[in-house]
Protein backbone atom coordinates (compact mmCIF):
# COMPACT_ATOMS: atom_id res chain seq x y z
CA MET A 1 19.57 -23.26 5.37
CA SER A 2 22.11 -25.82 7.59
CA ALA A 3 25.38 -24.82 8.36
CA ASP A 4 26.20 -28.19 6.80
CA ARG A 5 27.06 -26.90 3.45
CA PRO A 6 29.20 -29.94 2.16
CA LEU A 7 25.90 -32.25 3.16
CA PHE A 8 23.65 -29.49 1.29
CA ASP A 9 26.17 -29.63 -1.46
CA ARG A 10 26.50 -33.41 -1.79
CA LEU A 11 22.73 -33.98 -1.71
CA LYS A 12 21.91 -31.08 -3.72
CA SER A 13 23.68 -33.30 -6.22
CA GLN A 14 22.48 -36.35 -5.33
CA LEU A 15 18.63 -35.00 -5.67
CA ALA A 16 19.34 -33.26 -8.94
CA GLU A 17 20.07 -36.53 -10.44
CA ARG A 18 16.55 -37.64 -9.36
CA GLY A 19 14.94 -34.92 -10.48
CA PHE A 20 14.59 -32.71 -7.57
CA GLU A 21 16.17 -29.22 -6.55
CA LEU A 22 17.14 -28.85 -2.91
CA THR A 23 15.86 -25.72 -1.63
CA ASP A 24 16.46 -26.28 2.19
CA LEU A 25 18.01 -28.91 4.74
CA PRO A 26 16.92 -28.77 8.63
CA PRO A 27 19.13 -26.57 10.62
CA ASP A 28 20.68 -29.11 12.92
CA THR A 29 21.67 -32.15 11.01
CA GLY A 30 24.61 -33.67 13.07
CA GLY A 31 26.85 -34.63 10.03
CA ALA A 32 23.31 -36.64 9.06
CA GLY A 33 25.27 -40.03 8.31
CA GLY A 34 22.91 -42.99 9.01
CA HIS A 35 20.03 -40.67 9.61
CA VAL A 36 16.65 -39.91 8.13
CA LEU A 37 16.18 -36.31 6.99
CA GLU A 38 12.68 -34.34 6.12
CA VAL A 39 13.89 -31.72 3.43
CA SER A 40 12.13 -28.96 1.42
CA ALA A 41 12.65 -29.34 -2.34
CA SER A 42 11.33 -28.87 -5.85
CA ARG A 43 10.19 -30.71 -8.47
CA ARG A 44 9.57 -29.91 -12.04
CA HIS A 45 6.37 -30.30 -13.56
CA GLY A 46 5.65 -29.65 -17.25
CA PHE A 47 3.01 -27.55 -18.90
CA ASP A 48 2.24 -26.98 -22.42
CA ARG A 49 1.27 -23.07 -22.71
CA ALA A 50 1.00 -20.84 -26.02
CA PRO A 51 3.04 -19.16 -27.03
CA PHE A 52 5.86 -20.86 -25.33
CA GLY A 53 5.38 -24.30 -25.73
CA LYS A 54 6.54 -26.76 -23.12
CA LEU A 55 7.49 -25.30 -20.11
CA ASP A 56 8.75 -26.41 -16.47
CA VAL A 57 7.53 -25.20 -13.50
CA LEU A 58 9.16 -25.63 -9.81
CA ILE A 59 6.73 -26.97 -7.46
CA PRO A 60 7.36 -27.29 -3.61
CA VAL A 61 7.54 -30.52 -1.90
CA SER A 62 8.84 -32.45 0.85
CA LEU A 63 10.95 -35.44 1.29
CA ARG A 64 11.89 -37.96 3.64
CA LEU A 65 15.55 -39.02 3.18
CA LYS A 66 17.72 -41.83 4.41
CA LEU A 67 20.97 -41.62 4.45
CA ASP A 68 23.69 -44.35 4.89
CA ALA A 69 26.37 -44.00 7.12
CA GLY A 70 28.82 -41.62 4.59
CA GLY A 71 25.66 -38.99 4.66
CA ASN A 72 24.28 -40.07 1.18
CA ILE A 73 20.75 -41.03 -0.01
CA ALA A 74 20.07 -44.36 0.81
CA SER A 75 16.57 -44.10 0.17
CA LEU A 76 13.56 -41.58 -0.61
CA SER A 77 10.40 -41.04 0.21
CA GLY A 78 7.43 -38.41 -0.87
CA GLY A 79 8.60 -35.50 -3.33
CA ASN A 80 5.02 -35.76 -5.74
CA PRO A 81 2.97 -32.80 -5.88
CA SER A 82 -0.65 -33.10 -4.79
CA THR A 83 -3.38 -32.50 -7.18
CA ASP A 84 -3.87 -29.00 -5.63
CA ASP A 85 -0.36 -27.90 -6.16
CA ILE A 86 -0.28 -28.87 -9.90
CA GLN A 87 -3.66 -27.11 -10.38
CA ALA A 88 -2.20 -23.94 -8.31
CA ALA A 89 1.05 -24.01 -10.51
CA SER A 90 -0.82 -24.28 -13.62
CA SER A 91 -3.44 -21.20 -12.65
CA SER A 92 0.15 -19.26 -11.18
CA LEU A 93 1.62 -19.69 -14.89
CA ASP A 94 -1.74 -18.75 -16.76
CA ASP A 95 -1.68 -15.65 -14.72
CA LEU A 96 1.87 -14.89 -15.36
CA ILE A 97 1.52 -15.41 -19.26
CA ALA A 98 -1.76 -13.20 -19.18
CA ASN A 99 0.21 -10.55 -17.67
CA GLN A 100 3.10 -10.58 -19.71
CA GLN A 101 5.32 -11.18 -16.83
CA ILE A 102 7.51 -14.15 -18.23
CA ASP A 103 10.34 -13.42 -20.43
CA ASP A 104 11.83 -15.79 -22.96
CA PRO A 105 15.63 -14.63 -23.82
CA GLU A 106 15.25 -17.04 -26.87
CA SER A 107 12.62 -14.76 -28.04
CA ALA A 108 12.70 -11.56 -30.26
CA THR A 109 9.96 -9.94 -28.09
CA ARG A 110 10.97 -9.15 -24.20
CA SER A 111 8.87 -7.96 -21.89
CA PRO A 112 9.88 -4.73 -19.54
CA ARG A 113 6.90 -6.25 -17.16
CA ALA A 114 8.63 -9.76 -16.35
CA THR A 115 9.10 -11.08 -13.09
CA HIS A 116 10.20 -14.46 -14.34
CA THR A 117 12.13 -15.67 -16.65
CA ILE A 118 12.83 -18.97 -18.96
CA GLU A 119 16.29 -20.80 -18.16
CA ARG A 120 17.33 -23.49 -20.32
CA GLY A 121 18.27 -26.55 -18.44
CA SER A 122 21.28 -28.54 -19.21
CA ASP A 123 18.66 -31.09 -20.47
CA GLY A 124 17.46 -28.58 -22.98
CA SER A 125 13.80 -28.10 -21.07
CA ARG A 126 12.66 -24.65 -20.48
CA VAL A 127 11.85 -23.88 -16.76
CA VAL A 128 10.30 -21.02 -15.18
CA ARG A 129 12.27 -19.23 -12.55
CA ARG A 130 11.35 -16.05 -10.51
CA ARG A 131 13.83 -13.35 -11.00
CA ARG A 132 12.38 -10.48 -9.50
CA PHE A 133 9.25 -9.22 -7.54
CA ASN A 134 6.82 -6.55 -8.85
CA THR A 135 6.47 -3.64 -6.77
CA ALA A 136 4.54 -1.40 -8.88
CA ALA A 137 0.94 -0.30 -8.22
CA PRO A 138 -1.77 -2.39 -10.18
CA GLY A 139 -1.95 -0.83 -13.55
CA ARG A 140 1.26 0.68 -13.42
CA THR A 141 4.60 -1.26 -14.54
CA ALA A 142 7.87 -1.29 -12.33
C-alpha cells in the first residue's frame, strides 16, 4: 500500500460508495491531486448457493481513477470483472461449499474446517471472506 494513508482512506471511502473495496494504491502517488491512478480493488458479485442462499464474493478488478485537484475521485473507469473471473469465483465458491470451508456465524452448524466466513455487510448483504489458510495435509483437518 502507498505511504499516503490519508489518500488511501479517502479513496477507500469514495470507492465503497460505488460498490468497490480498495485493496492497493501505487507506491508513489505524490499527493495524487489532479492525477490519474491505476488501483487494485475488489467488486462484489452475487451468487445464490444452497444451503446459504445469496452470497456476495469479492472479485479482484483494476480501476483507473481520475482525481480532481483535491485528490477526490472525479471519474472512474474499469472495474468490471471478466466472464472468466466470475466463472472462477463461482467455481471457488462451489469448492468451498463442497469442502465445508465456509462458516456461517448465523447458523447453528459451524464448520471446524472453515477457511472462510460469512460477514453481514452494513447493507444487509452476506459477504464471503477468507479468515485463514488451511495448512493441513489432504484428508486431515487443521
